[in-house]
PDB file of N, CA and C in Angstrom:
ATOM      1  N   MET A   1      10.626  -2.713   0.823  1.00  0.00           N
ATOM      2  CA  MET A   1       9.336  -2.537   0.185  1.00  0.00           C
ATOM      3  C   MET A   1       8.345  -2.010   1.230  1.00  0.00           C
ATOM      4  N   ASN A   2       7.577  -1.030   0.851  1.00  0.00           N
ATOM      5  CA  ASN A   2       6.548  -0.463   1.717  1.00  0.00           C
ATOM      6  C   ASN A   2       5.225  -1.186   1.521  1.00  0.00           C
ATOM      7  N   CYS A   3       4.326  -1.019   2.491  1.00  0.00           N
ATOM      8  CA  CYS A   3       3.047  -1.729   2.445  1.00  0.00           C
ATOM      9  C   CYS A   3       2.246  -1.393   1.185  1.00  0.00           C
ATOM     10  N   TRP A   4       2.240  -0.125   0.759  1.00  0.00           N
ATOM     11  CA  TRP A   4       1.443   0.244  -0.414  1.00  0.00           C
ATOM     12  C   TRP A   4       1.999  -0.381  -1.692  1.00  0.00           C
ATOM     13  N   GLU A   5       3.290  -0.662  -1.715  1.00  0.00           N
ATOM     14  CA  GLU A   5       3.877  -1.353  -2.862  1.00  0.00           C
ATOM     15  C   GLU A   5       3.539  -2.848  -2.814  1.00  0.00           C
ATOM     16  N   PHE A   6       3.656  -3.445  -1.647  1.00  0.00           N
ATOM     17  CA  PHE A   6       3.371  -4.860  -1.455  1.00  0.00           C
ATOM     18  C   PHE A   6       1.900  -5.170  -1.749  1.00  0.00           C
ATOM     19  N   LYS A   7       1.005  -4.342  -1.209  1.00  0.00           N
ATOM     20  CA  LYS A   7      -0.431  -4.580  -1.341  1.00  0.00           C
ATOM     21  C   LYS A   7      -1.030  -3.929  -2.589  1.00  0.00           C
ATOM     22  N   ASN A   8      -0.248  -3.059  -3.239  1.00  0.00           N
ATOM     23  CA  ASN A   8      -0.707  -2.369  -4.442  1.00  0.00           C
ATOM     24  C   ASN A   8      -2.073  -1.709  -4.219  1.00  0.00           C
ATOM     25  N   CYS A   9      -2.184  -0.992  -3.119  1.00  0.00           N
ATOM     26  CA  CYS A   9      -3.468  -0.400  -2.722  1.00  0.00           C
ATOM     27  C   CYS A   9      -3.782   0.910  -3.433  1.00  0.00           C
ATOM     28  N   GLY A  10      -2.766   1.583  -3.960  1.00  0.00           N
ATOM     29  CA  GLY A  10      -3.009   2.833  -4.674  1.00  0.00           C
ATOM     30  C   GLY A  10      -3.230   4.032  -3.782  1.00  0.00           C
ATOM     31  N   ARG A  11      -2.924   3.917  -2.491  1.00  0.00           N
ATOM     32  CA  ARG A  11      -3.162   5.026  -1.567  1.00  0.00           C
ATOM     33  C   ARG A  11      -1.920   5.842  -1.248  1.00  0.00           C
ATOM     34  N   GLU A  12      -0.820   5.595  -1.979  1.00  0.00           N
ATOM     35  CA  GLU A  12       0.345   6.457  -1.824  1.00  0.00           C
ATOM     36  C   GLU A  12       0.067   7.767  -2.551  1.00  0.00           C
ATOM     37  N   LYS A  13       0.825   8.808  -2.244  1.00  0.00           N
ATOM     38  CA  LYS A  13       0.628  10.101  -2.899  1.00  0.00           C
ATOM     39  C   LYS A  13       0.746   9.906  -4.409  1.00  0.00           C
ATOM     40  N   GLY A  14      -0.265  10.347  -5.147  1.00  0.00           N
ATOM     41  CA  GLY A  14      -0.292  10.183  -6.594  1.00  0.00           C
ATOM     42  C   GLY A  14      -0.795   8.826  -7.046  1.00  0.00           C
ATOM     43  N   GLY A  15      -1.143   7.955  -6.096  1.00  0.00           N
ATOM     44  CA  GLY A  15      -1.622   6.615  -6.424  1.00  0.00           C
ATOM     45  C   GLY A  15      -3.018   6.624  -7.015  1.00  0.00           C
ATOM     46  N   ALA A  16      -3.402   5.511  -7.607  1.00  0.00           N
ATOM     47  CA  ALA A  16      -4.680   5.391  -8.315  1.00  0.00           C
ATOM     48  C   ALA A  16      -5.898   5.632  -7.426  1.00  0.00           C
ATOM     49  N   LYS A  17      -5.794   5.361  -6.130  1.00  0.00           N
ATOM     50  CA  LYS A  17      -6.948   5.529  -5.236  1.00  0.00           C
ATOM     51  C   LYS A  17      -6.775   6.647  -4.219  1.00  0.00           C
ATOM     52  N   ALA A  18      -5.701   7.397  -4.347  1.00  0.00           N
ATOM     53  CA  ALA A  18      -5.435   8.471  -3.388  1.00  0.00           C
ATOM     54  C   ALA A  18      -6.515   9.548  -3.415  1.00  0.00           C
ATOM     55  N   ASP A  19      -7.048   9.861  -4.587  1.00  0.00           N
ATOM     56  CA  ASP A  19      -8.096  10.883  -4.673  1.00  0.00           C
ATOM     57  C   ASP A  19      -9.404  10.410  -4.053  1.00  0.00           C
ATOM     58  N   SER A  20      -9.775   9.164  -4.310  1.00  0.00           N
ATOM     59  CA  SER A  20     -11.064   8.671  -3.820  1.00  0.00           C
ATOM     60  C   SER A  20     -11.019   8.206  -2.363  1.00  0.00           C
ATOM     61  N   LEU A  21      -9.913   7.623  -1.925  1.00  0.00           N
ATOM     62  CA  LEU A  21      -9.821   7.086  -0.565  1.00  0.00           C
ATOM     63  C   LEU A  21      -8.919   7.901   0.354  1.00  0.00           C
ATOM     64  N   GLY A  22      -8.154   8.806  -0.239  1.00  0.00           N
ATOM     65  CA  GLY A  22      -7.209   9.603   0.530  1.00  0.00           C
ATOM     66  C   GLY A  22      -5.850   8.936   0.581  1.00  0.00           C
ATOM     67  N   VAL A  23      -4.837   9.739   0.855  1.00  0.00           N
ATOM     68  CA  VAL A  23      -3.477   9.219   0.991  1.00  0.00           C
ATOM     69  C   VAL A  23      -3.402   8.490   2.336  1.00  0.00           C
ATOM     70  N   CYS A  24      -2.815   7.329   2.331  1.00  0.00           N
ATOM     71  CA  CYS A  24      -2.708   6.499   3.526  1.00  0.00           C
ATOM     72  C   CYS A  24      -1.958   7.227   4.632  1.00  0.00           C
ATOM     73  N   SER A  25      -2.393   7.032   5.859  1.00  0.00           N
ATOM     74  CA  SER A  25      -1.732   7.681   6.995  1.00  0.00           C
ATOM     75  C   SER A  25      -0.329   7.121   7.246  1.00  0.00           C
ATOM     76  N   ALA A  26      -0.001   5.975   6.670  1.00  0.00           N
ATOM     77  CA  ALA A  26       1.352   5.413   6.797  1.00  0.00           C
ATOM     78  C   ALA A  26       2.326   6.027   5.788  1.00  0.00           C
ATOM     79  N   TYR A  27       1.810   6.670   4.753  1.00  0.00           N
ATOM     80  CA  TYR A  27       2.639   7.261   3.702  1.00  0.00           C
ATOM     81  C   TYR A  27       3.197   8.598   4.187  1.00  0.00           C
ATOM     82  N   PRO A  28       4.428   8.962   3.972  1.00  0.00           N
ATOM     83  CA  PRO A  28       5.491   8.266   3.281  1.00  0.00           C
ATOM     84  C   PRO A  28       6.490   7.575   4.213  1.00  0.00           C
ATOM     85  N   ASP A  29       6.391   7.811   5.518  1.00  0.00           N
ATOM     86  CA  ASP A  29       7.457   7.385   6.426  1.00  0.00           C
ATOM     87  C   ASP A  29       7.233   6.055   7.147  1.00  0.00           C
ATOM     88  N   ASP A  30       6.022   5.531   7.125  1.00  0.00           N
ATOM     89  CA  ASP A  30       5.717   4.370   7.955  1.00  0.00           C
ATOM     90  C   ASP A  30       5.235   3.160   7.171  1.00  0.00           C
ATOM     91  N   GLY A  31       5.672   3.031   5.959  1.00  0.00           N
ATOM     92  CA  GLY A  31       5.250   1.931   5.096  1.00  0.00           C
ATOM     93  C   GLY A  31       5.789   0.570   5.480  1.00  0.00           C
ATOM     94  N   LYS A  32       6.747   0.550   6.394  1.00  0.00           N
ATOM     95  CA  LYS A  32       7.296  -0.736   6.857  1.00  0.00           C
ATOM     96  C   LYS A  32       6.844  -1.075   8.263  1.00  0.00           C
ATOM     97  N   ASN A  33       6.054  -0.201   8.863  1.00  0.00           N
ATOM     98  CA  ASN A  33       5.492  -0.475  10.184  1.00  0.00           C
ATOM     99  C   ASN A  33       4.072   0.083  10.288  1.00  0.00           C
ATOM    100  N   CYS A  34       3.284  -0.156   9.268  1.00  0.00           N
ATOM    101  CA  CYS A  34       1.944   0.405   9.146  1.00  0.00           C
ATOM    102  C   CYS A  34       0.980  -0.045  10.244  1.00  0.00           C
ATOM    103  N   ALA A  35       1.215  -1.199  10.853  1.00  0.00           N
ATOM    104  CA  ALA A  35       0.334  -1.662  11.926  1.00  0.00           C
ATOM    105  C   ALA A  35       0.326  -0.684  13.095  1.00  0.00           C
ATOM    106  N   ARG A  36       1.402   0.026  13.270  1.00  0.00           N
ATOM    107  CA  ARG A  36       1.511   0.968  14.387  1.00  0.00           C
ATOM    108  C   ARG A  36       0.845   2.309  14.113  1.00  0.00           C
ATOM    109  N   ILE A  37       0.348   2.503  12.891  1.00  0.00           N
ATOM    110  CA  ILE A  37      -0.192   3.797  12.484  1.00  0.00           C
ATOM    111  C   ILE A  37      -1.718   3.763  12.457  1.00  0.00           C
ATOM    112  N   ALA A  38      -2.341   4.639  13.210  1.00  0.00           N
ATOM    113  CA  ALA A  38      -3.801   4.723  13.238  1.00  0.00           C
ATOM    114  C   ALA A  38      -4.324   5.245  11.911  1.00  0.00           C
ATOM    115  N   GLY A  39      -5.484   4.760  11.515  1.00  0.00           N
ATOM    116  CA  GLY A  39      -6.160   5.283  10.334  1.00  0.00           C
ATOM    117  C   GLY A  39      -5.807   4.641   9.020  1.00  0.00           C
ATOM    118  N   THR A  40      -5.026   3.569   9.023  1.00  0.00           N
ATOM    119  CA  THR A  40      -4.749   2.878   7.762  1.00  0.00           C
ATOM    120  C   THR A  40      -5.981   2.084   7.355  1.00  0.00           C
ATOM    121  N   LEU A  41      -6.060   1.723   6.092  1.00  0.00           N
ATOM    122  CA  LEU A  41      -7.189   0.943   5.586  1.00  0.00           C
ATOM    123  C   LEU A  41      -6.837  -0.533   5.530  1.00  0.00           C
ATOM    124  N   CYS A  42      -7.811  -1.367   5.824  1.00  0.00           N
ATOM    125  CA  CYS A  42      -7.671  -2.806   5.639  1.00  0.00           C
ATOM    126  C   CYS A  42      -9.042  -3.335   5.247  1.00  0.00           C
ATOM    127  N   GLY A  43      -9.087  -4.052   4.156  1.00  0.00           N
ATOM    128  CA  GLY A  43     -10.376  -4.565   3.699  1.00  0.00           C
ATOM    129  C   GLY A  43     -11.364  -3.468   3.370  1.00  0.00           C
ATOM    130  N   GLY A  44     -10.844  -2.309   2.978  1.00  0.00           N
ATOM    131  CA  GLY A  44     -11.708  -1.190   2.609  1.00  0.00           C
ATOM    132  C   GLY A  44     -12.252  -0.407   3.785  1.00  0.00           C
ATOM    133  N   GLU A  45     -11.822  -0.733   5.003  1.00  0.00           N
ATOM    134  CA  GLU A  45     -12.306  -0.035   6.190  1.00  0.00           C
ATOM    135  C   GLU A  45     -11.145   0.606   6.941  1.00  0.00           C
ATOM    136  N   VAL A  46     -11.397   1.807   7.444  1.00  0.00           N
ATOM    137  CA  VAL A  46     -10.385   2.495   8.232  1.00  0.00           C
ATOM    138  C   VAL A  46     -10.199   1.744   9.540  1.00  0.00           C
ATOM    139  N   GLN A  47      -8.953   1.470   9.866  1.00  0.00           N
ATOM    140  CA  GLN A  47      -8.619   0.770  11.103  1.00  0.00           C
ATOM    141  C   GLN A  47      -8.354   1.775  12.205  1.00  0.00           C
ATOM    142  N   GLY A  48      -8.408   1.335  13.433  1.00  0.00           N
ATOM    143  CA  GLY A  48      -8.220   2.217  14.581  1.00  0.00           C
ATOM    144  C   GLY A  48      -6.776   2.302  15.028  1.00  0.00           C
ATOM    145  N   THR A  49      -6.594   2.360  16.326  1.00  0.00           N
ATOM    146  CA  THR A  49      -5.261   2.471  16.914  1.00  0.00           C
ATOM    147  C   THR A  49      -4.533   1.138  16.810  1.00  0.00           C
ATOM    148  N   PHE A  50      -3.259   1.149  17.145  1.00  0.00           N
ATOM    149  CA  PHE A  50      -2.432  -0.052  17.130  1.00  0.00           C
ATOM    150  C   PHE A  50      -3.082  -1.160  17.954  1.00  0.00           C
ATOM    151  N   ALA A  51      -3.501  -0.853  19.153  1.00  0.00           N
ATOM    152  CA  ALA A  51      -4.105  -1.857  20.024  1.00  0.00           C
ATOM    153  C   ALA A  51      -5.405  -2.402  19.429  1.00  0.00           C
ATOM    154  N   GLN A  52      -6.193  -1.558  18.794  1.00  0.00           N
ATOM    155  CA  GLN A  52      -7.465  -1.985  18.218  1.00  0.00           C
ATOM    156  C   GLN A  52      -7.286  -2.845  16.982  1.00  0.00           C
ATOM    157  N   LYS A  53      -6.257  -2.601  16.207  1.00  0.00           N
ATOM    158  CA  LYS A  53      -6.131  -3.275  14.923  1.00  0.00           C
ATOM    159  C   LYS A  53      -5.078  -4.367  14.871  1.00  0.00           C
ATOM    160  N   LEU A  54      -4.273  -4.523  15.920  1.00  0.00           N
ATOM    161  CA  LEU A  54      -3.167  -5.475  15.884  1.00  0.00           C
ATOM    162  C   LEU A  54      -3.630  -6.892  15.539  1.00  0.00           C
ATOM    163  N   HIS A  55      -4.742  -7.326  16.081  1.00  0.00           N
ATOM    164  CA  HIS A  55      -5.236  -8.679  15.800  1.00  0.00           C
ATOM    165  C   HIS A  55      -5.448  -8.867  14.295  1.00  0.00           C
ATOM    166  N   ASN A  56      -6.043  -7.893  13.632  1.00  0.00           N
ATOM    167  CA  ASN A  56      -6.243  -7.967  12.180  1.00  0.00           C
ATOM    168  C   ASN A  56      -4.915  -7.883  11.437  1.00  0.00           C
ATOM    169  N   CYS A  57      -4.038  -7.008  11.884  1.00  0.00           N
ATOM    170  CA  CYS A  57      -2.753  -6.830  11.207  1.00  0.00           C
ATOM    171  C   CYS A  57      -1.906  -8.101  11.259  1.00  0.00           C
ATOM    172  N   MET A  58      -2.010  -8.840  12.339  1.00  0.00           N
ATOM    173  CA  MET A  58      -1.219 -10.057  12.477  1.00  0.00           C
ATOM    174  C   MET A  58      -1.612 -11.122  11.452  1.00  0.00           C
ATOM    175  N   LYS A  59      -2.776 -10.966  10.834  1.00  0.00           N
ATOM    176  CA  LYS A  59      -3.232 -11.875   9.783  1.00  0.00           C
ATOM    177  C   LYS A  59      -2.811 -11.396   8.388  1.00  0.00           C
ATOM    178  N   CYS A  60      -2.333 -10.176   8.299  1.00  0.00           N
ATOM    179  CA  CYS A  60      -2.000  -9.540   7.023  1.00  0.00           C
ATOM    180  C   CYS A  60      -0.746 -10.160   6.400  1.00  0.00           C
ATOM    181  N   GLU A  61      -0.809 -10.404   5.104  1.00  0.00           N
ATOM    182  CA  GLU A  61       0.340 -10.977   4.384  1.00  0.00           C
ATOM    183  C   GLU A  61       1.560 -10.053   4.433  1.00  0.00           C
ATOM    184  N   PHE A  62       1.327  -8.752   4.398  1.00  0.00           N
ATOM    185  CA  PHE A  62       2.465  -7.823   4.497  1.00  0.00           C
ATOM    186  C   PHE A  62       3.083  -7.888   5.886  1.00  0.00           C
ATOM    187  N   TYR A  63       2.260  -7.881   6.916  1.00  0.00           N
ATOM    188  CA  TYR A  63       2.758  -7.951   8.294  1.00  0.00           C
ATOM    189  C   TYR A  63       3.585  -9.223   8.498  1.00  0.00           C
ATOM    190  N   LYS A  64       3.156 -10.321   7.907  1.00  0.00           N
ATOM    191  CA  LYS A  64       3.856 -11.596   8.051  1.00  0.00           C
ATOM    192  C   LYS A  64       5.083 -11.701   7.144  1.00  0.00           C
ATOM    193  N   SER A  65       5.231 -10.782   6.211  1.00  0.00           N
ATOM    194  CA  SER A  65       6.342 -10.843   5.251  1.00  0.00           C
ATOM    195  C   SER A  65       7.644 -10.331   5.853  1.00  0.00           C
ATOM    196  N   LYS A  66       8.713 -10.566   5.141  1.00  0.00           N
ATOM    197  CA  LYS A  66      10.036 -10.086   5.565  1.00  0.00           C
ATOM    198  C   LYS A  66      10.143  -8.566   5.464  1.00  0.00           C
ATOM    199  N   HIS A  67       9.210  -7.931   4.789  1.00  0.00           N
ATOM    200  CA  HIS A  67       9.279  -6.484   4.571  1.00  0.00           C
ATOM    201  C   HIS A  67       8.798  -5.671   5.774  1.00  0.00           C
ATOM    202  N   TYR A  68       7.930  -6.272   6.590  1.00  0.00           N
ATOM    203  CA  TYR A  68       7.400  -5.535   7.744  1.00  0.00           C
ATOM    204  C   TYR A  68       8.475  -5.428   8.819  1.00  0.00           C
ATOM    205  N   ASN A  69       8.645  -4.245   9.370  1.00  0.00           N
ATOM    206  CA  ASN A  69       9.635  -3.993  10.415  1.00  0.00           C
ATOM    207  C   ASN A  69       8.992  -4.235  11.779  1.00  0.00           C
ATOM    208  N   LYS A  70       9.184  -5.416  12.318  1.00  0.00           N
ATOM    209  CA  LYS A  70       8.585  -5.753  13.603  1.00  0.00           C
ATOM    210  C   LYS A  70       9.342  -5.154  14.784  1.00  0.00           C
ATOM    211  N   LEU A  71      10.535  -4.680  14.532  1.00  0.00           N
ATOM    212  CA  LEU A  71      11.287  -3.985  15.574  1.00  0.00           C
ATOM    213  C   LEU A  71      10.926  -2.511  15.510  1.00  0.00           C
ATOM    214  N   PHE A  72      10.496  -1.953  16.607  1.00  0.00           N
ATOM    215  CA  PHE A  72      10.121  -0.547  16.608  1.00  0.00           C
ATOM    216  C   PHE A  72      11.368   0.306  16.727  1.00  0.00           C
ATOM    217  N   VAL A  73      11.612   1.084  15.707  1.00  0.00           N
ATOM    218  CA  VAL A  73      12.736   2.015  15.696  1.00  0.00           C
ATOM    219  C   VAL A  73      12.177   3.377  15.315  1.00  0.00           C
ATOM    220  N   ASN A  74      12.286   4.304  16.196  1.00  0.00           N
ATOM    221  CA  ASN A  74      11.795   5.645  15.910  1.00  0.00           C
ATOM    222  C   ASN A  74      12.969   6.450  15.375  1.00  0.00           C
ATOM    223  N   ASN A  75      13.036   6.558  14.046  1.00  0.00           N
ATOM    224  CA  ASN A  75      14.137   7.285  13.437  1.00  0.00           C
ATOM    225  C   ASN A  75      13.715   8.616  12.848  1.00  0.00           C
ATOM    226  N   LYS A  76      12.540   9.088  13.238  1.00  0.00           N
ATOM    227  CA  LYS A  76      12.100  10.398  12.756  1.00  0.00           C
ATOM    228  C   LYS A  76      12.834  11.490  13.519  1.00  0.00           C
ATOM    229  N   LYS A  77      13.115  12.526  12.817  1.00  0.00           N
ATOM    230  CA  LYS A  77      13.817  13.643  13.449  1.00  0.00           C
ATOM    231  C   LYS A  77      12.869  14.792  13.637  1.00  0.00           C
TER     232      LYS A  77
END
């Protein structure tokens, strides 16, 4: 499960809030490690870099769930 599915934020491509808030910077490849992606939204505010937002992300229900990939694996080609 990706973060946009878990949180039902509507910021995936074609989502209910994609037009008004923009497509999430974690979409489509980083939905399981969104804390590492700059520019994601939390609480309606754009978050910064990984280092800037990690404290907030560690409180997130998705981050604490079994769905978040806490192991960093760079599988992009």
